[in-house]
Amino acid sequence: MKPKDVLNFAKENGAKIVDIRFMDFPGVWQHFSVPMSELDESSFEDGFGFDGSSIRGWQPIDASDMLVVPDPGTAKMDPFYADPTLVLIGNIMDPITHEPYSRDPRNIARKVESYLKSTGIGDTAFIGPEAEFFIFDSVRYESERHCAFYELDSVEGTWNTGREESPNLGYKPRLKEGYFPVPPTDKFQDLRSEMMLTLQNLGIDVECQHHEVATAGQSEIDMRFKPLLQMGDQMVWFKYVLKNVAYRHNHTVTFMPKPLYGDNGSGMHTHVSIWKKGVPLFAGDKYAGVSQDALYAIGGILKHCKALCAFTNPTTNSYKRLVPGYEAPVNLAYSSRNRSAAIRIPMYSSSPKAKRIEFRTPDPSCNGYLSFSAILMAVLDGIQNKIDPGSPLDKNIYDLPPEELAEIPSAPGSLSESLQALKEDNAFLLKGDVFTPDVIEKWIEYKTKNEVEPVALRPHPHEFMLYYDI
């Protein structure tokens, strides 16, 4: 849409309010609302002012004024507000220079698409994330100087087989057996369908929805692949829709990678392909039907994976999922079918259009704009520098002898480790001014001070189980 089209669209839908939205640095959607009378064609150039010092990881208080400039191509009607509300996603600008803000995640995604075209390698990067999530009935948590706890509950929770539910009708998925029995064991079919249909009504193409492996309502809804920036926009709508549909049915959705001990965590396998003039560049006659460029792309991801994890697995909780010896894709290798490898080449279809690489390490706690952009930069670095990914890992990882397993590198074991890797390996991200040094520095600083150190300094509840009587 152009600005004039947006105004007509709003009028046709009876919009009374405009909701301006943008993504903060860690990855939470922010918004403020103005009456419809405040939006005209000039708004798409002049923007709206706000306090950038109140947004995490952004401006100091002495330089707080910022602009958010709506992108007319993002116009949608909100499906949850009581009053008809037009939603516009905005780009963050400096109010004096009117230059795009370096720490605006959406700006980074816009720049990476431009950089791809400038390389001549391709003109479109398609991204297809498979975001998993949990649906709980209740969540309680506290973290104080003298106490800390969390408590989750779910009608599907395998721990509730003996709970008095007046009556308890059973059909609780056992640990690691949620993939994927029909109702009544699957309690959330209708809820997921409502989520899926709400996404489709917003113009977001969905391929499927289903229960996932874990108990307690772990689920997955897959969006059809789209160009990188568009998928970044869809990812924020995706989380917003799922949380709000669950909330109005007295459920709660979390994208925490590992909320439950002893059961599967939530990943976000991310499919990537590059096209040029309508031709898929990752189809060829090499291993598993991919091209040489696709193998180089794999080499780029494997080389930079430890640094990538700072963006693709950006929480301390992410590394409760990425544990060697389980099903998590921690092994920095590639395969056509081995799901314990960090990169898989899907074999569902032999069509050249379906050829892509699937990076399985990421999880849904990430900021999609930053994660997708970092992955593409690693892919491009691999192609530009012809990085050899080595031989595929087509053996069962669990049957390998210890000496052979020791030769396979692993993903980082902690957020601290991934941030250190990013500190040492970030030149590939700085190409084309896509990620800037201040973005890298601020990301490491913010994550270290606000997440790594606070978690490391606090006693863990399980430490009392282990050590109180020592």
Protein backbone atom coordinates (compact mmCIF):
# COMPACT_ATOMS: atom_id res chain seq x y z
CA MET A 1 0.00 0.00 0.00
CA LYS A 2 0.88 3.64 -0.42
CA PRO A 3 -0.10 6.24 2.23
CA LYS A 4 -3.28 7.14 0.36
CA ASP A 5 -4.22 3.45 0.12
CA VAL A 6 -3.74 3.08 3.88
CA LEU A 7 -6.13 5.93 4.59
CA ASN A 8 -8.73 4.37 2.27
CA PHE A 9 -8.17 0.95 3.88
CA ALA A 10 -8.72 2.47 7.33
CA LYS A 11 -11.90 4.20 6.20
CA GLU A 12 -13.28 1.03 4.60
CA ASN A 13 -12.72 -0.83 7.89
CA GLY A 14 -14.15 1.90 10.08
CA ALA A 15 -10.89 2.47 11.95
CA LYS A 16 -11.15 4.90 14.86
CA ILE A 17 -7.66 4.43 16.28
CA VAL A 18 -4.16 3.96 14.86
CA ASP A 19 -1.74 1.72 16.77
CA ILE A 20 1.92 2.45 15.98
CA ARG A 21 4.19 -0.51 16.72
CA PHE A 22 7.91 -1.23 16.68
CA MET A 23 10.30 -3.83 18.05
CA ASP A 24 12.60 -3.05 20.96
CA PHE A 25 16.18 -4.29 21.14
CA PRO A 26 15.63 -7.56 23.10
CA GLY A 27 12.61 -8.49 20.98
CA VAL A 28 9.34 -7.29 22.55
CA TRP A 29 6.74 -5.48 20.45
CA GLN A 30 6.01 -1.95 21.68
CA HIS A 31 3.06 0.33 20.80
CA PHE A 32 1.18 3.55 21.36
CA SER A 33 -2.15 4.71 19.94
CA VAL A 34 -3.37 7.93 18.36
CA PRO A 35 -6.85 8.85 17.12
CA MET A 36 -7.48 8.31 13.43
CA SER A 37 -7.65 12.09 12.95
CA GLU A 38 -3.89 12.27 13.69
CA LEU A 39 -2.96 10.15 10.65
CA ASP A 40 -2.62 11.73 7.22
CA GLU A 41 -0.32 11.23 4.24
CA SER A 42 2.40 13.40 5.77
CA SER A 43 2.57 11.06 8.81
CA PHE A 44 4.38 8.53 6.65
CA GLU A 45 7.24 10.98 6.26
CA ASP A 46 7.10 13.05 9.44
CA GLY A 47 6.48 10.17 11.83
CA PHE A 48 5.53 10.31 15.50
CA GLY A 49 7.80 11.27 18.40
CA PHE A 50 8.48 9.14 21.49
CA ASP A 51 10.96 8.77 24.35
CA GLY A 52 13.79 6.51 23.20
CA SER A 53 15.48 6.49 26.62
CA SER A 54 12.60 4.43 28.03
CA ILE A 55 13.17 1.63 25.50
CA ARG A 56 15.61 -1.08 26.64
CA GLY A 57 19.06 -0.86 25.04
CA TRP A 58 18.39 2.37 23.15
CA GLN A 59 19.05 6.04 23.86
CA PRO A 60 20.53 7.84 26.90
CA ILE A 61 18.25 10.31 28.65
CA ASP A 62 20.13 13.33 27.27
CA ALA A 63 19.37 12.26 23.68
CA SER A 64 16.01 10.60 24.18
CA ASP A 65 13.84 12.08 21.41
CA MET A 66 13.21 9.66 18.55
CA LEU A 67 10.79 9.22 15.67
CA VAL A 68 8.82 6.20 14.55
CA VAL A 69 7.82 6.50 10.90
CA PRO A 70 4.98 4.15 9.83
CA ASP A 71 5.58 1.82 6.90
CA PRO A 72 2.41 1.93 4.77
CA GLY A 73 3.03 -1.61 3.51
CA THR A 74 2.42 -3.02 6.99
CA ALA A 75 -1.19 -1.87 7.47
CA LYS A 76 -3.51 -4.41 9.14
CA MET A 77 -6.61 -4.23 11.33
CA ASP A 78 -6.07 -5.47 14.87
CA PRO A 79 -8.16 -8.61 15.59
CA PHE A 80 -8.39 -8.12 19.38
CA TYR A 81 -9.09 -4.48 20.30
CA ALA A 82 -12.64 -3.45 21.24
CA ASP A 83 -12.58 -0.43 18.89
CA PRO A 84 -11.66 -0.81 15.19
CA THR A 85 -7.90 -0.16 15.17
CA LEU A 86 -5.48 0.21 12.29
CA VAL A 87 -2.02 -1.20 13.06
CA LEU A 88 1.11 0.20 11.37
CA ILE A 89 4.64 -1.07 11.97
CA GLY A 90 7.15 1.77 12.03
CA ASN A 91 10.84 2.35 11.34
CA ILE A 92 12.86 4.23 13.95
CA MET A 93 14.56 7.46 12.84
CA ASP A 94 16.75 10.14 14.38
CA PRO A 95 14.56 13.27 14.70
CA ILE A 96 17.39 15.63 13.67
CA THR A 97 19.12 13.79 10.82
CA HIS A 98 16.11 11.63 9.87
CA GLU A 99 18.58 8.76 9.44
CA PRO A 100 17.46 5.21 10.27
CA TYR A 101 18.40 4.22 13.81
CA SER A 102 21.22 1.66 13.96
CA ARG A 103 19.70 -0.28 16.89
CA ASP A 104 16.25 -0.60 15.35
CA PRO A 105 15.99 -4.36 14.66
CA ARG A 106 13.71 -3.77 11.68
CA ASN A 107 16.26 -1.39 10.18
CA ILE A 108 18.88 -4.16 10.36
CA ALA A 109 16.52 -6.50 8.49
CA ARG A 110 15.93 -3.84 5.83
CA LYS A 111 19.68 -3.36 5.44
CA VAL A 112 20.44 -7.07 5.11
CA GLU A 113 17.98 -7.35 2.21
CA SER A 114 19.71 -4.42 0.49
CA TYR A 115 23.12 -5.95 1.16
CA LEU A 116 22.04 -9.27 -0.39
CA LYS A 117 21.12 -7.47 -3.61
CA SER A 118 24.37 -5.48 -3.60
CA THR A 119 26.45 -8.69 -3.50
CA GLY A 120 24.95 -9.90 -6.76
CA ILE A 121 24.52 -13.35 -5.23
CA GLY A 122 20.73 -13.13 -5.19
CA ASP A 123 17.83 -10.74 -4.84
CA THR A 124 15.58 -12.50 -2.32
CA ALA A 125 16.22 -14.47 0.86
CA PHE A 126 13.28 -16.61 1.91
CA ILE A 127 12.89 -17.46 5.60
CA GLY A 128 10.59 -20.11 7.06
CA PRO A 129 10.62 -20.42 10.88
CA GLU A 130 9.04 -23.33 12.76
CA ALA A 131 8.33 -21.70 16.11
CA GLU A 132 7.35 -24.04 18.95
CA PHE A 133 5.62 -22.84 22.11
CA PHE A 134 3.91 -24.05 25.28
CA ILE A 135 0.29 -23.47 26.30
CA PHE A 136 -0.16 -23.37 30.08
CA ASP A 137 -3.21 -22.79 32.27
CA SER A 138 -1.31 -20.94 34.97
CA VAL A 139 2.14 -19.53 35.64
CA ARG A 140 3.44 -18.20 38.97
CA TYR A 141 6.99 -17.04 39.65
CA GLU A 142 8.99 -14.88 42.05
CA SER A 143 12.65 -13.92 42.36
CA GLU A 144 13.55 -12.00 45.51
CA ARG A 145 16.60 -11.75 47.76
CA HIS A 146 15.18 -14.30 50.17
CA CYS A 147 13.07 -16.51 47.91
CA ALA A 148 12.69 -17.73 44.37
CA PHE A 149 10.24 -20.12 42.75
CA TYR A 150 8.21 -20.86 39.65
CA GLU A 151 5.13 -22.98 39.22
CA LEU A 152 3.48 -23.97 35.94
CA ASP A 153 0.25 -25.84 35.46
CA SER A 154 -1.55 -27.36 32.50
CA VAL A 155 -4.68 -29.42 32.04
CA GLU A 156 -2.44 -31.58 29.83
CA GLY A 157 0.40 -31.79 32.33
CA THR A 158 1.54 -35.36 32.81
CA TRP A 159 2.03 -34.50 36.52
CA ASN A 160 -1.75 -34.03 36.80
CA THR A 161 -2.80 -37.63 36.20
CA GLY A 162 -3.68 -37.90 39.90
CA ARG A 163 -5.10 -34.41 40.44
CA GLU A 164 -8.71 -34.05 41.60
CA GLU A 165 -10.38 -32.32 38.65
CA SER A 166 -14.00 -33.17 39.51
CA PRO A 167 -13.72 -35.46 37.64
CA ASN A 168 -10.25 -36.17 36.22
CA LEU A 169 -10.94 -37.69 32.81
CA GLY A 170 -7.35 -38.72 32.09
CA TYR A 171 -5.80 -38.53 28.62
CA LYS A 172 -2.66 -36.66 29.70
CA PRO A 173 0.23 -36.87 27.20
CA ARG A 174 3.18 -38.70 28.70
CA LEU A 175 6.61 -37.08 28.71
CA LYS A 176 7.99 -36.88 25.16
CA GLU A 177 4.82 -38.50 23.72
CA GLY A 178 2.87 -35.45 22.58
CA TYR A 179 3.75 -35.86 18.87
CA PHE A 180 0.87 -36.10 18.00
CA PRO A 181 -2.17 -38.06 19.20
CA VAL A 182 -5.71 -36.93 18.38
CA PRO A 183 -8.12 -35.46 20.96
CA PRO A 184 -9.01 -35.98 23.75
CA THR A 185 -5.30 -36.44 24.50
CA ASP A 186 -4.63 -33.34 22.42
CA LYS A 187 -6.59 -30.74 24.40
CA PHE A 188 -5.71 -27.72 22.26
CA GLN A 189 -6.79 -28.56 18.71
CA ASP A 190 -9.54 -25.92 18.65
CA LEU A 191 -7.33 -23.29 20.30
CA ARG A 192 -4.53 -23.80 17.77
CA SER A 193 -7.04 -23.71 14.92
CA GLU A 194 -8.32 -20.36 16.18
CA MET A 195 -4.73 -19.11 16.27
CA MET A 196 -4.12 -20.39 12.74
CA LEU A 197 -7.31 -18.88 11.32
CA THR A 198 -6.63 -15.54 13.04
CA LEU A 199 -3.20 -15.44 11.40
CA GLN A 200 -4.74 -16.26 8.02
CA ASN A 201 -7.34 -13.51 8.43
CA LEU A 202 -4.41 -11.11 8.85
CA GLY A 203 -3.00 -12.23 5.50
CA ILE A 204 -0.34 -14.49 7.02
CA ASP A 205 -0.04 -17.79 5.15
CA VAL A 206 0.04 -20.83 7.45
CA GLU A 207 1.07 -24.34 6.38
CA CYS A 208 0.00 -26.42 9.39
CA GLN A 209 -0.59 -26.59 13.12
CA HIS A 210 -0.05 -29.51 15.46
CA HIS A 211 0.84 -30.69 18.95
CA GLU A 212 4.54 -31.08 19.63
CA VAL A 213 6.57 -33.71 21.48
CA ALA A 214 6.38 -32.38 25.04
CA THR A 215 3.49 -32.63 27.44
CA ALA A 216 1.60 -29.56 28.77
CA GLY A 217 0.37 -28.26 25.43
CA GLN A 218 3.64 -27.88 23.54
CA SER A 219 2.63 -26.91 20.00
CA GLU A 220 3.83 -25.68 16.64
CA ILE A 221 2.25 -23.51 13.96
CA ASP A 222 4.24 -23.12 10.74
CA MET A 223 4.07 -20.04 8.56
CA ARG A 224 4.78 -20.38 4.86
CA PHE A 225 8.21 -19.03 3.89
CA LYS A 226 8.40 -15.34 2.95
CA PRO A 227 11.10 -12.74 2.17
CA LEU A 228 13.21 -11.92 5.22
CA LEU A 229 11.78 -8.52 6.22
CA GLN A 230 8.21 -9.67 5.64
CA MET A 231 8.84 -12.73 7.81
CA GLY A 232 10.30 -10.51 10.52
CA ASP A 233 7.06 -8.53 10.53
CA GLN A 234 5.01 -11.72 10.51
CA MET A 235 6.99 -13.12 13.43
CA VAL A 236 5.92 -10.27 15.72
CA TRP A 237 2.30 -10.68 14.62
CA PHE A 238 2.67 -14.44 15.19
CA LYS A 239 3.68 -14.08 18.85
CA TYR A 240 1.08 -11.36 19.41
CA VAL A 241 -1.77 -13.45 17.95
CA LEU A 242 -0.87 -16.65 19.78
CA LYS A 243 -0.56 -14.92 23.16
CA ASN A 244 -3.82 -13.02 22.76
CA VAL A 245 -5.90 -15.95 21.48
CA ALA A 246 -4.67 -18.03 24.42
CA TYR A 247 -5.27 -15.18 26.87
CA ARG A 248 -8.91 -14.71 25.93
CA HIS A 249 -9.48 -18.43 26.60
CA ASN A 250 -7.76 -18.24 30.03
CA HIS A 251 -4.58 -19.91 28.81
CA THR A 252 -1.09 -18.47 28.54
CA VAL A 253 1.50 -19.01 25.78
CA THR A 254 5.24 -18.85 26.36
CA PHE A 255 8.11 -18.88 23.87
CA MET A 256 10.64 -19.69 26.61
CA PRO A 257 12.81 -22.44 25.12
CA LYS A 258 12.90 -24.64 28.23
CA PRO A 259 10.11 -24.03 30.77
CA LEU A 260 9.84 -27.72 31.81
CA TYR A 261 12.55 -29.92 33.30
CA GLY A 262 12.81 -33.42 31.86
CA ASP A 263 10.77 -32.83 28.69
CA ASN A 264 11.52 -31.39 25.27
CA GLY A 265 12.22 -27.69 24.90
CA SER A 266 10.93 -25.37 22.20
CA GLY A 267 13.05 -24.71 19.13
CA MET A 268 12.57 -22.60 16.06
CA HIS A 269 14.07 -24.46 13.12
CA THR A 270 14.72 -21.79 10.51
CA HIS A 271 14.61 -22.62 6.80
CA VAL A 272 16.69 -20.43 4.48
CA SER A 273 17.01 -20.19 0.71
CA ILE A 274 18.28 -17.56 -1.71
CA TRP A 275 16.71 -16.86 -5.09
CA LYS A 276 17.73 -14.70 -8.03
CA LYS A 277 15.29 -13.54 -10.72
CA GLY A 278 12.84 -16.23 -9.68
CA VAL A 279 15.42 -19.04 -9.76
CA PRO A 280 16.24 -20.99 -6.54
CA LEU A 281 20.01 -20.94 -6.04
CA PHE A 282 20.20 -23.74 -3.49
CA ALA A 283 19.03 -26.53 -5.85
CA GLY A 284 21.76 -28.52 -7.61
CA ASP A 285 23.50 -31.84 -8.10
CA LYS A 286 25.61 -31.99 -4.95
CA TYR A 287 24.87 -33.79 -1.69
CA ALA A 288 21.12 -34.23 -1.03
CA GLY A 289 20.26 -32.37 -4.25
CA VAL A 290 21.64 -28.99 -3.23
CA SER A 291 24.01 -26.65 -5.07
CA GLN A 292 27.61 -25.81 -4.30
CA ASP A 293 26.46 -22.39 -3.08
CA ALA A 294 24.12 -24.11 -0.63
CA LEU A 295 27.03 -26.14 0.74
CA TYR A 296 29.10 -22.95 1.09
CA ALA A 297 26.13 -21.38 2.89
CA ILE A 298 26.11 -24.31 5.30
CA GLY A 299 29.84 -23.78 5.79
CA GLY A 300 29.19 -20.16 6.72
CA ILE A 301 26.59 -21.05 9.34
CA LEU A 302 28.76 -23.79 10.86
CA LYS A 303 31.82 -21.51 10.99
CA HIS A 304 29.94 -18.68 12.69
CA CYS A 305 27.39 -20.72 14.67
CA LYS A 306 28.81 -19.96 18.11
CA ALA A 307 28.56 -16.20 17.44
CA LEU A 308 25.16 -16.58 15.73
CA CYS A 309 23.77 -18.17 18.88
CA ALA A 310 24.07 -14.80 20.63
CA PHE A 311 21.16 -13.72 18.39
CA THR A 312 19.42 -17.02 17.55
CA ASN A 313 19.51 -18.37 21.14
CA PRO A 314 19.71 -15.12 23.12
CA THR A 315 18.53 -16.11 26.60
CA THR A 316 20.12 -17.92 29.51
CA ASN A 317 17.18 -20.32 29.31
CA SER A 318 18.10 -21.14 25.68
CA TYR A 319 21.01 -23.24 26.90
CA LYS A 320 18.81 -25.43 29.09
CA ARG A 321 17.58 -26.75 25.72
CA LEU A 322 20.96 -26.88 23.96
CA VAL A 323 22.40 -29.75 25.97
CA PRO A 324 24.62 -32.45 24.35
CA GLY A 325 23.32 -36.01 24.46
CA TYR A 326 19.67 -35.15 23.95
CA GLU A 327 17.66 -34.42 20.79
CA ALA A 328 18.67 -30.76 20.70
CA PRO A 329 20.67 -29.87 17.56
CA VAL A 330 23.95 -28.94 19.24
CA ASN A 331 26.28 -30.79 16.88
CA LEU A 332 27.88 -28.38 14.41
CA ALA A 333 27.47 -30.58 11.38
CA TYR A 334 24.98 -31.05 8.54
CA SER A 335 22.94 -33.95 7.25
CA SER A 336 20.02 -34.76 4.98
CA ARG A 337 18.05 -36.58 7.65
CA ASN A 338 19.91 -36.54 10.97
CA ARG A 339 17.89 -34.28 13.29
CA SER A 340 20.64 -34.03 15.90
CA ALA A 341 22.79 -32.05 13.44
CA ALA A 342 22.67 -28.25 13.58
CA ILE A 343 21.79 -28.10 9.88
CA ARG A 344 19.49 -30.43 8.01
CA ILE A 345 18.64 -30.52 4.32
CA PRO A 346 14.92 -31.40 4.19
CA MET A 347 14.15 -34.30 1.86
CA TYR A 348 10.33 -34.08 1.72
CA SER A 349 10.37 -32.89 -1.90
CA SER A 350 12.74 -33.18 -4.87
CA SER A 351 11.43 -29.96 -6.42
CA PRO A 352 14.19 -27.34 -6.96
CA LYS A 353 11.86 -24.75 -5.40
CA ALA A 354 11.80 -26.75 -2.17
CA LYS A 355 15.58 -26.91 -1.78
CA ARG A 356 16.69 -25.00 1.27
CA ILE A 357 18.81 -25.44 4.35
CA GLU A 358 17.26 -25.86 7.78
CA PHE A 359 19.19 -24.34 10.68
CA ARG A 360 17.84 -26.24 13.69
CA THR A 361 19.71 -24.61 16.56
CA PRO A 362 17.65 -21.35 16.94
CA ASP A 363 14.81 -21.02 19.42
CA PRO A 364 11.70 -18.79 19.54
CA SER A 365 12.98 -16.49 22.30
CA CYS A 366 14.95 -14.63 19.63
CA ASN A 367 14.26 -11.26 18.06
CA GLY A 368 13.28 -12.43 14.57
CA TYR A 369 14.63 -9.39 12.74
CA LEU A 370 18.07 -9.81 14.32
CA SER A 371 18.16 -13.61 14.16
CA PHE A 372 17.15 -13.87 10.49
CA SER A 373 19.56 -11.08 9.53
CA ALA A 374 22.50 -12.68 11.34
CA ILE A 375 21.78 -16.08 9.75
CA LEU A 376 21.68 -14.53 6.26
CA MET A 377 24.96 -12.70 6.89
CA ALA A 378 26.62 -16.02 7.82
CA VAL A 379 25.13 -17.64 4.70
CA LEU A 380 26.47 -14.87 2.48
CA ASP A 381 29.89 -15.02 4.14
CA GLY A 382 30.01 -18.73 3.43
CA ILE A 383 29.20 -18.22 -0.24
CA GLN A 384 31.56 -15.26 -0.67
CA ASN A 385 34.48 -17.09 0.93
CA LYS A 386 33.63 -20.55 -0.40
CA ILE A 387 33.65 -22.06 3.10
CA ASP A 388 33.76 -25.86 2.91
CA PRO A 389 31.31 -27.43 5.41
CA GLY A 390 33.23 -30.72 5.42
CA SER A 391 31.54 -34.12 5.20
CA PRO A 392 27.92 -34.63 6.21
CA LEU A 393 27.03 -36.36 9.47
CA ASP A 394 24.78 -39.20 8.35
CA LYS A 395 25.45 -41.50 11.29
CA ASN A 396 23.32 -41.91 14.39
CA ILE A 397 24.95 -39.47 16.79
CA TYR A 398 23.92 -41.61 19.77
CA ASP A 399 25.77 -44.65 18.39
CA LEU A 400 29.08 -42.88 17.81
CA PRO A 401 32.07 -43.92 19.95
CA PRO A 402 33.28 -41.19 22.35
CA GLU A 403 36.47 -40.52 20.38
CA GLU A 404 34.51 -39.87 17.15
CA LEU A 405 31.89 -37.78 18.93
CA ALA A 406 34.64 -35.63 20.47
CA GLU A 407 35.72 -34.54 16.98
CA ILE A 408 32.32 -32.93 16.27
CA PRO A 409 32.20 -29.34 17.56
CA SER A 410 29.19 -28.23 19.61
CA ALA A 411 27.06 -25.14 19.93
CA PRO A 412 27.84 -22.91 22.93
CA GLY A 413 26.92 -24.21 26.35
CA SER A 414 25.79 -20.88 27.77
CA LEU A 415 24.70 -17.38 26.80
CA SER A 416 27.97 -16.09 28.23
CA GLU A 417 29.91 -18.36 25.90
CA SER A 418 27.91 -17.27 22.86
CA LEU A 419 28.38 -13.58 23.71
CA GLN A 420 32.13 -14.14 24.01
CA ALA A 421 32.07 -15.84 20.60
CA LEU A 422 30.20 -12.85 19.16
CA LYS A 423 32.80 -10.51 20.64
CA GLU A 424 35.55 -12.45 18.86
CA ASP A 425 33.71 -13.23 15.61
CA ASN A 426 31.58 -10.37 14.27
CA ALA A 427 33.37 -9.08 11.15
CA PHE A 428 30.97 -11.05 8.92
CA LEU A 429 28.03 -9.17 10.48
CA LEU A 430 29.56 -5.74 9.86
CA LYS A 431 29.73 -6.11 6.07
CA GLY A 432 27.55 -3.63 4.23
CA ASP A 433 26.96 -1.76 7.49
CA VAL A 434 24.16 -4.26 8.24
CA PHE A 435 25.11 -4.74 11.88
CA THR A 436 27.14 -1.82 13.22
CA PRO A 437 29.79 -1.94 15.98
CA ASP A 438 27.47 -0.10 18.37
CA VAL A 439 24.78 -2.76 17.85
CA ILE A 440 27.23 -5.58 18.62
CA GLU A 441 28.71 -3.77 21.63
CA LYS A 442 25.33 -2.77 23.06
CA TRP A 443 23.91 -6.27 22.56
CA ILE A 444 26.80 -7.86 24.46
CA GLU A 445 26.64 -5.21 27.18
CA TYR A 446 22.87 -5.41 27.61
CA LYS A 447 22.72 -9.20 27.67
CA THR A 448 25.65 -9.48 30.07
CA LYS A 449 24.45 -6.89 32.59
CA ASN A 450 20.73 -7.61 32.44
CA GLU A 451 20.62 -11.38 31.96
CA VAL A 452 23.90 -13.27 32.33
CA GLU A 453 25.11 -11.63 35.54
CA PRO A 454 21.74 -11.48 37.39
CA VAL A 455 21.14 -15.19 36.74
CA ALA A 456 24.71 -16.14 37.68
CA LEU A 457 24.58 -14.20 40.96
CA ARG A 458 21.37 -15.73 42.28
CA PRO A 459 21.15 -19.01 44.21
CA HIS A 460 19.18 -21.61 42.26
CA PRO A 461 16.30 -23.35 44.08
CA HIS A 462 17.78 -26.74 43.25
CA GLU A 463 21.01 -25.75 45.01
CA PHE A 464 19.09 -25.89 48.28
CA MET A 465 18.13 -29.49 47.43
CA LEU A 466 21.76 -30.30 46.78
CA TYR A 467 23.68 -28.32 49.36
CA TYR A 468 21.60 -27.03 52.29
CA ASP A 469 22.73 -29.83 54.59
CA ILE A 470 26.29 -30.02 53.32
